[in-house]
Amino acid sequence: MPQIVQIPPHLPKAGCVPDPETAKRIAEAVWLVMYGEAAVEEQKPFQADFENDLWTVRGSPPSGQETKPFVAVISRVDGRIAKIGTTVVRRDLLE
């Protein structure tokens, strides 16, 4: 069952990560530190999906390679990164 998240009054009503472009920029910034510019560039374009107040951003590695897509799960409310790496656990385990 999805949790209802109340946004603290000092944060924007739409949350700190209100749209997919913002989620993609946050994920990219962290991936650059973790994997380097060349690896991140190979993962473009990024895809962002929204469910239960969480953005899931995935990279698109080149086809025909064994490279796994980069993944970041980011809170819409405050921008916290719930998961980052190359695999994602079931969403219900993050709640």
C-alpha atoms as a PDB file:
ATOM      1  CA  MET A   1       0.000   0.000   0.000  1.00  0.00           C
ATOM      2  CA  PRO A   2       1.507   3.372  -1.011  1.00  0.00           C
ATOM      3  CA  GLN A   3       2.453   5.726   1.761  1.00  0.00           C
ATOM      4  CA  ILE A   4       1.004   9.235   1.730  1.00  0.00           C
ATOM      5  CA  VAL A   5       3.918  11.616   1.984  1.00  0.00           C
ATOM      6  CA  GLN A   6       3.344  15.027   3.478  1.00  0.00           C
ATOM      7  CA  ILE A   7       5.647  17.724   2.212  1.00  0.00           C
ATOM      8  CA  PRO A   8       7.195  19.853   4.960  1.00  0.00           C
ATOM      9  CA  PRO A   9       6.065  23.493   4.677  1.00  0.00           C
ATOM     10  CA  HIS A  10       9.556  24.792   3.838  1.00  0.00           C
ATOM     11  CA  LEU A  11       9.777  22.668   0.655  1.00  0.00           C
ATOM     12  CA  PRO A  12       8.091  23.484  -2.682  1.00  0.00           C
ATOM     13  CA  LYS A  13       4.525  22.160  -2.972  1.00  0.00           C
ATOM     14  CA  ALA A  14       5.448  20.144  -6.064  1.00  0.00           C
ATOM     15  CA  GLY A  15       8.439  18.706  -4.199  1.00  0.00           C
ATOM     16  CA  CYS A  16      12.139  19.285  -4.822  1.00  0.00           C
ATOM     17  CA  VAL A  17      12.088  16.977  -7.871  1.00  0.00           C
ATOM     18  CA  PRO A  18       8.826  17.932  -9.612  1.00  0.00           C
ATOM     19  CA  ASP A  19       9.509  16.587 -13.094  1.00  0.00           C
ATOM     20  CA  PRO A  20      11.457  13.965 -15.044  1.00  0.00           C
ATOM     21  CA  GLU A  21      14.073  16.443 -16.311  1.00  0.00           C
ATOM     22  CA  THR A  22      15.051  17.400 -12.762  1.00  0.00           C
ATOM     23  CA  ALA A  23      15.269  13.716 -11.776  1.00  0.00           C
ATOM     24  CA  LYS A  24      17.489  13.008 -14.798  1.00  0.00           C
ATOM     25  CA  ARG A  25      19.829  15.907 -13.941  1.00  0.00           C
ATOM     26  CA  ILE A  26      20.221  14.706 -10.355  1.00  0.00           C
ATOM     27  CA  ALA A  27      20.927  11.132 -11.453  1.00  0.00           C
ATOM     28  CA  GLU A  28      23.420  12.307 -14.063  1.00  0.00           C
ATOM     29  CA  ALA A  29      25.298  14.466 -11.533  1.00  0.00           C
ATOM     30  CA  VAL A  30      25.779  11.503  -9.191  1.00  0.00           C
ATOM     31  CA  TRP A  31      26.587   9.049 -11.991  1.00  0.00           C
ATOM     32  CA  LEU A  32      29.314  11.404 -13.270  1.00  0.00           C
ATOM     33  CA  VAL A  33      31.077  11.162  -9.909  1.00  0.00           C
ATOM     34  CA  MET A  34      30.589   7.398  -9.677  1.00  0.00           C
ATOM     35  CA  TYR A  35      31.310   6.270 -13.244  1.00  0.00           C
ATOM     36  CA  GLY A  36      32.940   9.161 -15.141  1.00  0.00           C
ATOM     37  CA  GLU A  37      31.849  11.248 -18.102  1.00  0.00           C
ATOM     38  CA  ALA A  38      32.528   8.691 -20.851  1.00  0.00           C
ATOM     39  CA  ALA A  39      30.442   5.981 -19.173  1.00  0.00           C
ATOM     40  CA  VAL A  40      27.564   8.375 -18.469  1.00  0.00           C
ATOM     41  CA  GLU A  41      27.534   9.650 -22.058  1.00  0.00           C
ATOM     42  CA  GLU A  42      27.192   6.040 -23.271  1.00  0.00           C
ATOM     43  CA  GLN A  43      24.047   5.656 -21.120  1.00  0.00           C
ATOM     44  CA  LYS A  44      22.118   8.473 -22.839  1.00  0.00           C
ATOM     45  CA  PRO A  45      19.238   8.959 -23.390  1.00  0.00           C
ATOM     46  CA  PHE A  46      17.954   8.600 -19.830  1.00  0.00           C
ATOM     47  CA  GLN A  47      14.421   7.432 -19.020  1.00  0.00           C
ATOM     48  CA  ALA A  48      12.480   8.587 -15.944  1.00  0.00           C
ATOM     49  CA  ASP A  49       9.373   6.914 -14.499  1.00  0.00           C
ATOM     50  CA  PHE A  50       7.321   8.115 -11.536  1.00  0.00           C
ATOM     51  CA  GLU A  51       5.519   5.967  -8.966  1.00  0.00           C
ATOM     52  CA  ASN A  52       4.707   6.379  -5.259  1.00  0.00           C
ATOM     53  CA  ASP A  53       6.565   9.713  -4.938  1.00  0.00           C
ATOM     54  CA  LEU A  54       9.752   8.147  -6.346  1.00  0.00           C
ATOM     55  CA  TRP A  55      11.460   8.843  -9.659  1.00  0.00           C
ATOM     56  CA  THR A  56      13.300   5.896 -11.188  1.00  0.00           C
ATOM     57  CA  VAL A  57      15.877   7.105 -13.699  1.00  0.00           C
ATOM     58  CA  ARG A  58      17.551   4.551 -15.971  1.00  0.00           C
ATOM     59  CA  GLY A  59      20.320   4.824 -18.478  1.00  0.00           C
ATOM     60  CA  SER A  60      20.207   3.249 -21.929  1.00  0.00           C
ATOM     61  CA  PRO A  61      23.493   1.401 -22.487  1.00  0.00           C
ATOM     62  CA  PRO A  62      24.552   0.664 -26.053  1.00  0.00           C
ATOM     63  CA  SER A  63      22.942  -2.470 -27.446  1.00  0.00           C
ATOM     64  CA  GLY A  64      25.153  -5.455 -27.977  1.00  0.00           C
ATOM     65  CA  GLN A  65      27.264  -4.704 -24.897  1.00  0.00           C
ATOM     66  CA  GLU A  66      27.194  -6.381 -21.506  1.00  0.00           C
ATOM     67  CA  THR A  67      26.953  -2.991 -19.760  1.00  0.00           C
ATOM     68  CA  LYS A  68      24.005  -2.771 -17.353  1.00  0.00           C
ATOM     69  CA  PRO A  69      21.865   0.358 -17.308  1.00  0.00           C
ATOM     70  CA  PHE A  70      22.629   2.856 -14.554  1.00  0.00           C
ATOM     71  CA  VAL A  71      19.705   3.279 -12.156  1.00  0.00           C
ATOM     72  CA  ALA A  72      18.812   5.960  -9.620  1.00  0.00           C
ATOM     73  CA  VAL A  73      15.706   6.072  -7.412  1.00  0.00           C
ATOM     74  CA  ILE A  74      15.054   9.622  -6.198  1.00  0.00           C
ATOM     75  CA  SER A  75      12.447  11.063  -3.827  1.00  0.00           C
ATOM     76  CA  ARG A  76      10.155  13.651  -5.423  1.00  0.00           C
ATOM     77  CA  VAL A  77       9.569  15.256  -2.026  1.00  0.00           C
ATOM     78  CA  ASP A  78      13.111  16.135  -0.952  1.00  0.00           C
ATOM     79  CA  GLY A  79      15.474  14.796  -3.631  1.00  0.00           C
ATOM     80  CA  ARG A  80      16.966  12.051  -1.475  1.00  0.00           C
ATOM     81  CA  ILE A  81      18.546   9.217  -3.396  1.00  0.00           C
ATOM     82  CA  ALA A  82      16.965   5.970  -2.215  1.00  0.00           C
ATOM     83  CA  LYS A  83      19.025   3.723  -4.530  1.00  0.00           C
ATOM     84  CA  ILE A  84      21.832   4.231  -7.009  1.00  0.00           C
ATOM     85  CA  GLY A  85      23.849   1.749  -9.042  1.00  0.00           C
ATOM     86  CA  THR A  86      23.142  -0.692 -11.835  1.00  0.00           C
ATOM     87  CA  THR A  87      20.300  -2.724 -10.321  1.00  0.00           C
ATOM     88  CA  VAL A  88      17.104  -1.893  -8.463  1.00  0.00           C
ATOM     89  CA  VAL A  89      15.445  -3.881  -5.727  1.00  0.00           C
ATOM     90  CA  ARG A  90      11.675  -4.177  -5.665  1.00  0.00           C
ATOM     91  CA  ARG A  91      10.083  -0.790  -5.003  1.00  0.00           C
ATOM     92  CA  ASP A  92       7.995  -2.097  -2.116  1.00  0.00           C
ATOM     93  CA  LEU A  93      11.217  -2.835  -0.227  1.00  0.00           C
ATOM     94  CA  LEU A  94      12.160   0.863  -0.376  1.00  0.00           C
ATOM     95  CA  GLU A  95       9.008   2.019   1.404  1.00  0.00           C
END
